[in-house]
Protein backbone atom coordinates (compact mmCIF):
# COMPACT_ATOMS: atom_id res chain seq x y z
CA MET A 1 -35.91 16.04 1.61
CA SER A 2 -33.61 12.95 1.42
CA ILE A 3 -30.59 13.10 -0.88
CA LYS A 4 -30.32 10.54 -3.62
CA ILE A 5 -26.92 9.10 -4.54
CA LEU A 6 -26.21 8.32 -8.14
CA SER A 7 -22.95 6.78 -9.36
CA ASP A 8 -21.59 4.43 -12.01
CA SER A 9 -20.41 0.84 -12.21
CA ALA A 10 -16.72 1.63 -11.90
CA CYS A 11 -17.26 2.03 -8.12
CA ASP A 12 -17.27 -1.75 -7.79
CA LEU A 13 -19.68 -2.00 -4.93
CA SER A 14 -21.49 -5.27 -4.32
CA LYS A 15 -25.13 -5.75 -5.23
CA GLU A 16 -25.93 -6.12 -1.50
CA ILE A 17 -24.41 -2.74 -0.58
CA ILE A 18 -26.11 -1.05 -3.57
CA GLU A 19 -29.46 -2.34 -2.48
CA GLU A 20 -28.96 -1.73 1.23
CA TYR A 21 -28.10 1.93 0.71
CA ASN A 22 -30.41 2.56 -2.30
CA ILE A 23 -27.55 3.69 -4.57
CA ASP A 24 -28.50 4.23 -8.15
CA ILE A 25 -25.84 2.95 -10.59
CA LEU A 26 -25.37 3.79 -14.26
CA PRO A 27 -23.50 0.99 -16.07
CA ILE A 28 -20.40 1.62 -18.19
CA ILE A 29 -20.36 0.01 -21.66
CA VAL A 30 -18.20 -3.06 -22.19
CA ILE A 31 -17.26 -4.14 -25.74
CA LYS A 32 -16.11 -7.42 -27.18
CA GLY A 33 -15.72 -7.40 -30.97
CA ASP A 34 -18.98 -5.96 -32.36
CA GLU A 35 -20.98 -6.72 -29.24
CA GLU A 36 -21.77 -4.11 -26.56
CA TYR A 37 -22.72 -5.01 -22.98
CA LEU A 38 -23.68 -3.11 -19.88
CA ASP A 39 -21.24 -3.65 -17.01
CA ASN A 40 -22.81 -5.99 -14.40
CA VAL A 41 -26.16 -5.77 -16.14
CA THR A 42 -25.96 -7.72 -19.37
CA ILE A 43 -22.50 -9.16 -18.67
CA THR A 44 -20.85 -10.28 -15.44
CA PRO A 45 -17.28 -9.57 -14.43
CA LYS A 46 -16.76 -13.36 -14.02
CA LYS A 47 -17.63 -13.88 -17.71
CA VAL A 48 -15.22 -11.14 -18.72
CA TYR A 49 -12.37 -12.62 -16.75
CA GLU A 50 -13.02 -16.17 -18.06
CA ASP A 51 -12.95 -14.85 -21.66
CA MET A 52 -9.77 -12.82 -20.98
CA ARG A 53 -8.00 -15.93 -19.66
CA ASN A 54 -9.01 -17.63 -22.94
CA GLY A 55 -7.46 -14.86 -25.00
CA GLN A 56 -10.47 -12.65 -25.61
CA THR A 57 -10.03 -8.87 -25.61
CA TYR A 58 -12.49 -6.45 -24.09
CA LYS A 59 -12.69 -2.64 -24.40
CA THR A 60 -14.84 -0.11 -22.63
CA ALA A 61 -16.77 3.02 -23.54
CA GLN A 62 -18.04 5.76 -21.31
CA ILE A 63 -21.69 6.13 -20.37
CA PRO A 64 -23.46 7.75 -23.38
CA PRO A 65 -25.13 11.16 -23.09
CA ASN A 66 -28.62 9.76 -23.63
CA ALA A 67 -28.22 7.53 -20.52
CA PHE A 68 -27.39 10.58 -18.39
CA SER A 69 -30.19 12.59 -20.04
CA ASP A 70 -32.80 9.95 -19.29
CA LYS A 71 -31.62 9.56 -15.73
CA PHE A 72 -31.29 13.25 -14.92
CA SER A 73 -34.66 13.99 -16.51
CA GLU A 74 -36.32 11.30 -14.42
CA TYR A 75 -34.97 12.84 -11.24
CA ALA A 76 -35.71 16.38 -12.31
CA LYS A 77 -39.34 15.57 -13.03
CA ASN A 78 -39.65 14.05 -9.54
CA GLY A 79 -38.07 17.10 -7.93
CA ASP A 80 -35.33 15.00 -6.39
CA SER A 81 -32.13 16.32 -4.88
CA ILE A 82 -29.23 14.35 -6.42
CA ILE A 83 -25.45 13.88 -5.98
CA TYR A 84 -23.82 12.17 -9.00
CA ILE A 85 -20.50 10.72 -7.82
CA ALA A 86 -18.38 10.05 -10.90
CA PHE A 87 -15.52 7.79 -11.95
CA SER A 88 -12.19 9.65 -12.16
CA SER A 89 -12.00 12.11 -15.04
CA GLY A 90 -8.32 10.99 -15.44
CA LEU A 91 -9.54 7.53 -16.56
CA SER A 92 -12.81 8.15 -18.29
CA GLY A 93 -14.74 10.90 -20.09
CA THR A 94 -17.85 10.03 -18.15
CA TYR A 95 -17.55 12.99 -15.77
CA GLN A 96 -17.28 15.52 -18.54
CA THR A 97 -20.28 13.96 -20.33
CA SER A 98 -22.38 14.28 -17.19
CA LEU A 99 -21.45 18.00 -16.91
CA PHE A 100 -22.46 18.57 -20.53
CA VAL A 101 -25.80 16.80 -20.07
CA ARG A 102 -26.55 18.68 -16.84
CA GLU A 103 -26.41 22.01 -18.71
CA SER A 104 -29.03 20.90 -21.20
CA ILE A 105 -31.25 19.44 -18.50
CA LEU A 106 -31.06 22.68 -16.50
CA GLU A 107 -32.39 24.56 -19.53
CA GLU A 108 -35.63 22.56 -19.22
CA TYR A 109 -35.62 22.19 -15.42
CA PRO A 110 -33.78 25.29 -14.07
CA ASN A 111 -34.54 24.33 -10.41
CA PHE A 112 -33.11 20.81 -10.72
CA ASP A 113 -30.93 20.26 -7.62
CA LEU A 114 -27.99 18.27 -9.00
CA ASP A 115 -24.32 18.25 -7.79
CA ILE A 116 -21.69 16.34 -9.79
CA VAL A 117 -18.43 15.26 -8.19
CA ASP A 118 -15.27 14.03 -9.88
CA THR A 119 -13.83 11.59 -7.33
CA LYS A 120 -10.44 11.26 -9.08
CA ALA A 121 -10.84 7.69 -7.78
CA ALA A 122 -11.54 4.23 -9.20
CA SER A 123 -12.78 0.74 -8.16
CA GLY A 124 -12.86 0.25 -4.38
CA GLY A 125 -11.44 3.71 -3.66
CA PHE A 126 -14.35 5.21 -5.68
CA GLY A 127 -16.58 2.73 -3.95
CA LEU A 128 -15.62 3.79 -0.41
CA ILE A 129 -16.47 7.41 -1.34
CA VAL A 130 -19.91 6.40 -2.76
CA LEU A 131 -20.59 4.18 0.23
CA GLN A 132 -19.79 6.91 2.74
CA ALA A 133 -22.03 9.33 0.91
CA ALA A 134 -24.84 6.77 0.74
CA LYS A 135 -24.52 6.05 4.47
CA LEU A 136 -24.86 9.72 5.26
CA ALA A 137 -27.83 10.16 2.92
CA LYS A 138 -29.55 7.20 4.66
CA GLU A 139 -28.93 8.91 8.00
CA GLY A 140 -30.70 11.95 6.69
CA LYS A 141 -27.73 14.28 6.51
CA SER A 142 -27.91 17.49 4.53
CA LYS A 143 -26.47 17.74 1.05
CA GLU A 144 -23.77 20.12 2.37
CA GLU A 145 -22.68 17.56 4.97
CA ILE A 146 -22.56 14.83 2.38
CA LEU A 147 -20.51 16.87 -0.07
CA LYS A 148 -18.11 17.82 2.70
CA ALA A 149 -17.59 14.13 3.54
CA ILE A 150 -17.07 13.31 -0.16
CA GLU A 151 -14.43 15.98 -0.37
CA PHE A 152 -12.57 14.63 2.64
CA TYR A 153 -12.57 11.16 1.17
CA LYS A 154 -11.43 12.48 -2.23
CA GLU A 155 -8.49 14.18 -0.57
CA ASN A 156 -7.48 11.25 1.61
CA ILE A 157 -8.32 8.08 -0.28
CA GLU A 158 -5.42 5.85 -1.30
CA HIS A 159 -5.25 3.26 -4.06
CA ILE A 160 -2.51 0.58 -4.04
CA PHE A 161 -2.83 -2.25 -6.56
CA THR A 162 -1.09 -4.89 -8.54
CA VAL A 163 -1.87 -6.84 -11.72
CA ASP A 164 -1.14 -10.52 -12.13
CA ASP A 165 -0.18 -10.21 -15.77
CA ILE A 166 1.33 -6.94 -17.08
CA GLU A 167 0.16 -7.86 -20.60
CA TYR A 168 -3.31 -6.68 -19.73
CA LEU A 169 -2.03 -3.21 -18.86
CA PHE A 170 -0.37 -3.15 -22.27
CA ARG A 171 -3.59 -4.08 -24.00
CA GLY A 172 -5.34 -1.32 -22.10
CA GLY A 173 -2.74 1.19 -23.17
CA ARG A 174 -1.27 1.63 -19.69
CA VAL A 175 2.27 0.32 -20.35
CA SER A 176 4.49 -0.07 -23.46
CA ARG A 177 5.03 -3.27 -25.46
CA VAL A 178 8.64 -3.46 -24.16
CA GLN A 179 7.56 -3.05 -20.55
CA ALA A 180 4.95 -5.80 -20.96
CA PHE A 181 7.43 -8.18 -22.52
CA VAL A 182 10.17 -7.69 -19.99
CA GLY A 183 7.66 -7.81 -17.11
CA GLY A 184 6.23 -11.14 -18.31
CA LEU A 185 9.65 -12.56 -18.89
CA LEU A 186 10.88 -11.77 -15.33
CA ASN A 187 7.55 -12.47 -13.51
CA ILE A 188 7.47 -8.82 -12.48
CA LYS A 189 4.37 -7.67 -10.65
CA PRO A 190 3.99 -3.94 -10.91
CA VAL A 191 2.65 -2.04 -7.97
CA LEU A 192 0.70 1.09 -8.96
CA HIS A 193 -1.35 3.83 -7.31
CA VAL A 194 -3.67 6.60 -8.40
CA ALA A 195 -2.39 10.17 -8.37
CA ASP A 196 -4.62 13.05 -9.52
CA GLY A 197 -7.05 10.49 -10.85
CA LYS A 198 -4.52 8.69 -13.08
CA LEU A 199 -2.70 5.34 -12.84
CA VAL A 200 0.99 5.80 -11.79
CA PRO A 201 3.56 3.03 -11.40
CA LEU A 202 5.28 2.84 -8.01
CA GLU A 203 7.32 -0.38 -7.70
CA LYS A 204 8.30 -3.46 -9.63
CA VAL A 205 8.31 -6.63 -7.55
CA ARG A 206 8.93 -10.29 -8.38
CA GLY A 207 6.38 -12.73 -6.99
CA ARG A 208 3.03 -12.42 -5.11
CA HIS A 209 4.43 -12.62 -1.59
CA LYS A 210 6.79 -9.71 -2.10
CA VAL A 211 3.98 -7.76 -3.75
CA PHE A 212 1.75 -8.06 -0.71
CA LYS A 213 4.60 -7.00 1.58
CA CYS A 214 5.22 -3.98 -0.63
CA MET A 215 1.56 -3.02 -0.56
CA LEU A 216 1.44 -3.24 3.25
CA ASP A 217 4.67 -1.28 3.56
CA LEU A 218 3.07 1.50 1.43
CA MET A 219 -0.05 1.31 3.52
CA GLU A 220 1.90 1.79 6.71
CA ASP A 221 3.94 4.63 5.28
CA ARG A 222 0.80 6.48 4.08
CA THR A 223 -1.29 6.10 7.27
CA LYS A 224 0.97 7.62 9.95
CA ASN A 225 -1.86 9.90 10.99
CA ALA A 226 -4.58 7.27 10.84
CA ASN A 227 -5.92 4.47 12.95
CA LEU A 228 -6.59 1.60 10.51
CA SER A 229 -8.56 -0.37 13.10
CA GLU A 230 -11.26 2.35 12.90
CA GLN A 231 -11.48 2.48 9.12
CA VAL A 232 -13.36 0.52 6.53
CA ILE A 233 -10.69 -0.98 4.28
CA GLY A 234 -11.53 -1.71 0.71
CA ILE A 235 -10.16 -4.66 -1.28
CA THR A 236 -11.19 -5.54 -4.79
CA HIS A 237 -9.97 -8.37 -6.99
CA GLY A 238 -10.00 -9.63 -10.53
CA ASP A 239 -11.68 -12.99 -9.88
CA ASP A 240 -9.08 -13.83 -7.23
CA LEU A 241 -11.02 -14.05 -3.96
CA GLU A 242 -8.31 -16.19 -2.42
CA GLY A 243 -5.72 -13.46 -2.99
CA ALA A 244 -8.03 -10.83 -1.60
CA LEU A 245 -8.68 -12.86 1.54
CA LYS A 246 -4.96 -13.41 1.98
CA LEU A 247 -4.32 -9.74 1.78
CA LYS A 248 -7.11 -9.10 4.28
CA GLU A 249 -5.54 -11.61 6.69
CA LEU A 250 -2.12 -9.89 6.36
CA ILE A 251 -3.72 -6.45 7.08
CA ILE A 252 -5.49 -7.75 10.15
CA GLU A 253 -2.23 -9.28 11.50
CA ARG A 254 -0.19 -6.15 10.87
CA PHE A 255 -2.65 -3.33 11.59
CA GLY A 256 -5.46 -4.74 13.61
CA ALA A 257 -8.06 -3.65 11.00
CA GLU A 258 -11.57 -5.00 11.62
CA LYS A 259 -13.84 -3.62 8.92
CA PHE A 260 -13.55 -4.61 5.21
CA VAL A 261 -15.49 -4.18 1.99
CA ILE A 262 -14.34 -6.85 -0.47
CA ASN A 263 -15.75 -7.24 -3.92
CA MET A 264 -14.85 -8.33 -7.45
CA ILE A 265 -13.52 -5.68 -9.80
CA GLY A 266 -16.20 -4.90 -12.38
CA ALA A 267 -15.85 -5.38 -16.12
CA SER A 268 -15.38 -1.63 -16.78
CA ILE A 269 -11.99 -1.68 -14.91
CA GLY A 270 -11.29 -5.42 -15.13
CA ALA A 271 -11.24 -5.19 -18.97
CA HIS A 272 -8.03 -3.18 -18.59
CA SER A 273 -6.41 -4.60 -15.49
CA GLY A 274 -7.24 -8.29 -16.14
CA PRO A 275 -7.78 -11.38 -13.94
CA GLY A 276 -5.71 -11.72 -10.87
CA THR A 277 -5.58 -8.00 -10.09
CA ILE A 278 -5.60 -7.19 -6.39
CA ALA A 279 -6.38 -3.66 -5.18
CA LEU A 280 -6.25 -2.06 -1.74
CA PHE A 281 -7.99 1.19 -0.56
CA PHE A 282 -7.78 3.13 2.67
CA LEU A 283 -7.73 6.69 4.07
CA ARG A 284 -4.55 8.56 4.97
CA GLU A 285 -6.48 10.13 7.82
CA ASN A 286 -9.53 8.90 9.65
CA TYR A 287 -12.86 10.48 8.76
CA GLU A 288 -14.75 11.84 11.74
CA ASN A 289 -18.51 12.28 11.21
């Protein structure tokens, strides 16, 4: 029996990849005022970024229990074997909700074959985990083999990112009012990473050129046991394709990398990081299938 891969919209994979690998995606809720939208279903990331540049504020809400219940029930009735790969529990309550719903579904369908994985990852780092799992599922690998690969990616995935305007991190509750004010005043571009599923500041750099150098220096420091030319490198951006392509060019020049997955950051994460965000994802060690 083939394994079906279910995930959520915070993985920031392109529509083309989702369709090619038959990945099922549950959308996270995006909120503007009294209006609720479904990430990349009833609102596009492009629209969110345009509104944010014009002073609009967006919030997000986790996937509701009924959405999980409907989806899990559908799979259970079909007798499908599922892996739900979830957005970091350190950034969202979605993972915990899925566990709760699974227990109630198993009462009705005790033989339902469902594994749930907390990736402790976000955006393109999350996406690379989902993509690898979907590739293996398409190749007909067993659930045990797929879960082993997911675990390897979880343990080795790196996130390095910067935001163009620290004000958005303040609005999303990620930095203090004072940090946002000083950062904006001095044109400081924070460089952050993800540790144990949570956002953690690393460096404060002035100007885009120095930010990219800092990101590549961190990439080099964290891949001493890896060959980047053999990896798929993830880059996501907050409606700044030019910046993403510039970062790609610098990575090719410095590391000889050849394979990239580049996509816009979806509304569920972009609502907090804002337009102009650039994020980089890679493995500390190469995965060997």
